Amino acid sequence: MDSSQLIEKLKRDKQIRIIEDELDVNLEIPHVAYVEIKKDNPKVLLFTNPVDRERGEKYSRAVRESHKKRGYFL
């Protein structure tokens, strides 16, 4: 299963929250992920517009945070 198939499956199962806002990888994304992980039924988060405001960089790949594995993947 490739990533697009996985995302479609998560959408069908209503287990993903896609965040299209431009969010900072150092402050905003960790905060949103922390709030989500504390929920009773957390969802996988997909951040489609990650940026690093300290470095002035926009990333070309999405960042996801999974409730099953606390980690970020670029």
N, C-alpha and C. Protein backbone atom coordinates (compact mmCIF):
# COMPACT_ATOMS: atom_id res chain seq x y z
N MET A 1 0.85 -1.17 0.00
CA MET A 1 0.00 0.00 0.00
C MET A 1 0.90 1.24 0.00
N ASP A 2 0.69 2.12 -0.97
CA ASP A 2 1.50 3.34 -1.00
C ASP A 2 0.83 4.43 -0.16
N SER A 3 1.51 5.56 -0.01
CA SER A 3 1.02 6.61 0.89
C SER A 3 -0.33 7.17 0.46
N SER A 4 -0.57 7.31 -0.83
CA SER A 4 -1.87 7.85 -1.28
C SER A 4 -3.00 6.86 -0.97
N GLN A 5 -2.74 5.57 -1.10
CA GLN A 5 -3.75 4.58 -0.75
C GLN A 5 -4.02 4.58 0.75
N LEU A 6 -2.96 4.73 1.53
CA LEU A 6 -3.11 4.80 2.98
C LEU A 6 -3.94 6.01 3.37
N ILE A 7 -3.65 7.16 2.79
CA ILE A 7 -4.41 8.37 3.10
C ILE A 7 -5.87 8.19 2.73
N GLU A 8 -6.15 7.61 1.59
CA GLU A 8 -7.54 7.37 1.19
C GLU A 8 -8.25 6.43 2.17
N LYS A 9 -7.56 5.40 2.61
CA LYS A 9 -8.15 4.48 3.60
C LYS A 9 -8.44 5.21 4.90
N LEU A 10 -7.49 6.02 5.37
CA LEU A 10 -7.71 6.78 6.60
C LEU A 10 -8.88 7.76 6.45
N LYS A 11 -9.02 8.36 5.27
CA LYS A 11 -10.16 9.25 5.02
C LYS A 11 -11.48 8.48 5.10
N ARG A 12 -11.52 7.33 4.46
CA ARG A 12 -12.75 6.51 4.48
C ARG A 12 -13.12 6.11 5.91
N ASP A 13 -12.09 5.79 6.69
CA ASP A 13 -12.31 5.37 8.08
C ASP A 13 -12.43 6.54 9.06
N LYS A 14 -12.34 7.76 8.51
CA LYS A 14 -12.42 8.98 9.33
C LYS A 14 -11.39 8.97 10.46
N GLN A 15 -10.16 8.56 10.11
CA GLN A 15 -9.08 8.46 11.08
C GLN A 15 -7.94 9.44 10.80
N ILE A 16 -8.19 10.41 9.92
CA ILE A 16 -7.15 11.37 9.57
C ILE A 16 -7.71 12.78 9.62
N ARG A 17 -6.86 13.68 10.02
CA ARG A 17 -7.20 15.10 10.01
C ARG A 17 -6.12 15.78 9.17
N ILE A 18 -6.51 16.35 8.05
CA ILE A 18 -5.58 17.00 7.14
C ILE A 18 -5.60 18.50 7.44
N ILE A 19 -4.44 19.03 7.73
CA ILE A 19 -4.32 20.44 8.08
C ILE A 19 -3.55 21.13 6.96
N GLU A 20 -4.24 22.00 6.23
CA GLU A 20 -3.64 22.65 5.07
C GLU A 20 -3.04 24.01 5.38
N ASP A 21 -3.24 24.51 6.58
CA ASP A 21 -2.66 25.79 6.96
C ASP A 21 -1.14 25.69 7.01
N GLU A 22 -0.47 26.80 6.75
CA GLU A 22 0.98 26.85 6.86
C GLU A 22 1.34 26.91 8.34
N LEU A 23 1.96 25.84 8.86
CA LEU A 23 2.31 25.77 10.28
C LEU A 23 3.80 25.50 10.44
N ASP A 24 4.37 26.08 11.50
CA ASP A 24 5.78 25.96 11.80
C ASP A 24 6.10 24.59 12.41
N VAL A 25 7.17 23.96 11.91
CA VAL A 25 7.55 22.62 12.38
C VAL A 25 8.13 22.63 13.79
N ASN A 26 8.57 23.78 14.28
CA ASN A 26 9.18 23.85 15.60
C ASN A 26 8.20 24.18 16.72
N LEU A 27 7.17 24.93 16.42
CA LEU A 27 6.25 25.36 17.47
C LEU A 27 4.81 24.90 17.25
N GLU A 28 4.27 25.22 16.09
CA GLU A 28 2.83 25.00 15.88
C GLU A 28 2.48 23.53 15.66
N ILE A 29 3.24 22.83 14.84
CA ILE A 29 2.93 21.42 14.58
C ILE A 29 3.06 20.59 15.85
N PRO A 30 4.13 20.74 16.63
CA PRO A 30 4.20 19.97 17.88
C PRO A 30 3.05 20.27 18.84
N HIS A 31 2.62 21.54 18.89
CA HIS A 31 1.51 21.89 19.78
C HIS A 31 0.21 21.22 19.32
N VAL A 32 -0.09 21.31 18.03
CA VAL A 32 -1.31 20.69 17.50
C VAL A 32 -1.26 19.18 17.73
N ALA A 33 -0.10 18.56 17.50
CA ALA A 33 0.05 17.11 17.71
C ALA A 33 -0.14 16.74 19.17
N TYR A 34 0.40 17.56 20.08
CA TYR A 34 0.25 17.31 21.51
C TYR A 34 -1.21 17.36 21.93
N VAL A 35 -1.93 18.35 21.44
CA VAL A 35 -3.36 18.47 21.76
C VAL A 35 -4.12 17.27 21.22
N GLU A 36 -3.81 16.85 20.01
CA GLU A 36 -4.51 15.71 19.39
C GLU A 36 -4.24 14.42 20.15
N ILE A 37 -3.01 14.19 20.54
CA ILE A 37 -2.64 12.93 21.19
C ILE A 37 -3.30 12.78 22.56
N LYS A 38 -3.69 13.88 23.16
CA LYS A 38 -4.34 13.85 24.47
C LYS A 38 -5.83 13.52 24.37
N LYS A 39 -6.38 13.52 23.18
CA LYS A 39 -7.80 13.22 22.98
C LYS A 39 -8.05 11.72 23.20
N ASP A 40 -9.29 11.39 23.53
CA ASP A 40 -9.66 9.99 23.75
C ASP A 40 -9.48 9.14 22.49
N ASN A 41 -9.79 9.70 21.35
CA ASN A 41 -9.68 8.97 20.09
C ASN A 41 -8.89 9.82 19.09
N PRO A 42 -7.57 9.89 19.27
CA PRO A 42 -6.77 10.76 18.40
C PRO A 42 -6.73 10.26 16.97
N LYS A 43 -6.55 11.20 16.05
CA LYS A 43 -6.46 10.87 14.63
C LYS A 43 -5.02 11.08 14.15
N VAL A 44 -4.73 10.48 13.03
CA VAL A 44 -3.48 10.75 12.35
C VAL A 44 -3.57 12.16 11.80
N LEU A 45 -2.51 12.93 11.98
CA LEU A 45 -2.48 14.30 11.48
C LEU A 45 -1.59 14.37 10.26
N LEU A 46 -2.05 15.06 9.24
CA LEU A 46 -1.26 15.28 8.03
C LEU A 46 -1.18 16.79 7.81
N PHE A 47 0.01 17.33 7.96
CA PHE A 47 0.26 18.76 7.76
C PHE A 47 0.79 18.93 6.35
N THR A 48 0.03 19.60 5.50
CA THR A 48 0.41 19.68 4.09
C THR A 48 1.27 20.88 3.73
N ASN A 49 1.40 21.84 4.64
CA ASN A 49 2.21 23.03 4.36
C ASN A 49 3.14 23.36 5.51
N PRO A 50 4.08 22.46 5.84
CA PRO A 50 5.00 22.73 6.94
C PRO A 50 6.06 23.75 6.55
N VAL A 51 6.39 24.61 7.50
CA VAL A 51 7.45 25.61 7.28
C VAL A 51 8.36 25.65 8.50
N ASP A 52 9.57 26.14 8.29
CA ASP A 52 10.49 26.41 9.40
C ASP A 52 10.71 27.91 9.38
N ARG A 53 10.02 28.61 10.25
CA ARG A 53 10.09 30.07 10.24
C ARG A 53 11.45 30.58 10.69
N GLU A 54 12.15 29.84 11.55
CA GLU A 54 13.49 30.25 11.99
C GLU A 54 14.46 30.30 10.81
N ARG A 55 14.35 29.32 9.95
CA ARG A 55 15.26 29.23 8.80
C ARG A 55 14.69 29.85 7.54
N GLY A 56 13.41 30.21 7.58
CA GLY A 56 12.77 30.77 6.40
C GLY A 56 12.57 29.76 5.29
N GLU A 57 12.29 28.49 5.68
CA GLU A 57 12.16 27.41 4.70
C GLU A 57 10.72 26.90 4.63
N LYS A 58 10.30 26.55 3.43
CA LYS A 58 9.04 25.84 3.22
C LYS A 58 9.41 24.45 2.74
N TYR A 59 8.78 23.46 3.31
CA TYR A 59 9.08 22.08 2.93
C TYR A 59 8.18 21.65 1.78
N SER A 60 8.74 20.87 0.90
CA SER A 60 7.98 20.41 -0.26
C SER A 60 7.19 19.13 0.02
N ARG A 61 7.51 18.48 1.16
CA ARG A 61 6.80 17.25 1.52
C ARG A 61 5.96 17.50 2.75
N ALA A 62 4.89 16.77 2.85
CA ALA A 62 3.99 16.89 3.99
C ALA A 62 4.61 16.27 5.23
N VAL A 63 4.11 16.68 6.38
CA VAL A 63 4.53 16.13 7.67
C VAL A 63 3.33 15.44 8.28
N ARG A 64 3.53 14.23 8.76
CA ARG A 64 2.41 13.55 9.41
C ARG A 64 2.81 13.17 10.82
N GLU A 65 1.81 13.11 11.67
CA GLU A 65 2.04 12.68 13.05
C GLU A 65 1.01 11.60 13.32
N SER A 66 1.46 10.47 13.74
CA SER A 66 0.57 9.34 13.99
C SER A 66 0.40 9.12 15.47
N HIS A 67 -0.83 8.83 15.88
CA HIS A 67 -1.07 8.55 17.29
C HIS A 67 -0.47 7.20 17.69
N LYS A 68 -0.17 6.35 16.74
CA LYS A 68 0.40 5.05 17.07
C LYS A 68 1.91 5.11 17.23
N LYS A 69 2.52 6.07 16.60
CA LYS A 69 3.97 6.24 16.73
C LYS A 69 4.22 7.73 16.81
N ARG A 70 4.62 8.18 17.96
CA ARG A 70 4.84 9.62 18.13
C ARG A 70 6.11 10.04 17.42
N GLY A 71 5.93 10.54 16.24
CA GLY A 71 7.09 10.98 15.48
C GLY A 71 6.68 11.76 14.26
N TYR A 72 7.60 12.50 13.73
CA TYR A 72 7.34 13.30 12.55
C TYR A 72 8.13 12.73 11.39
N PHE A 73 7.55 12.77 10.25
CA PHE A 73 8.19 12.25 9.05
C PHE A 73 8.09 13.30 7.98
N LEU A 74 9.21 13.65 7.40
CA LEU A 74 9.23 14.63 6.32
C LEU A 74 9.40 13.91 5.00
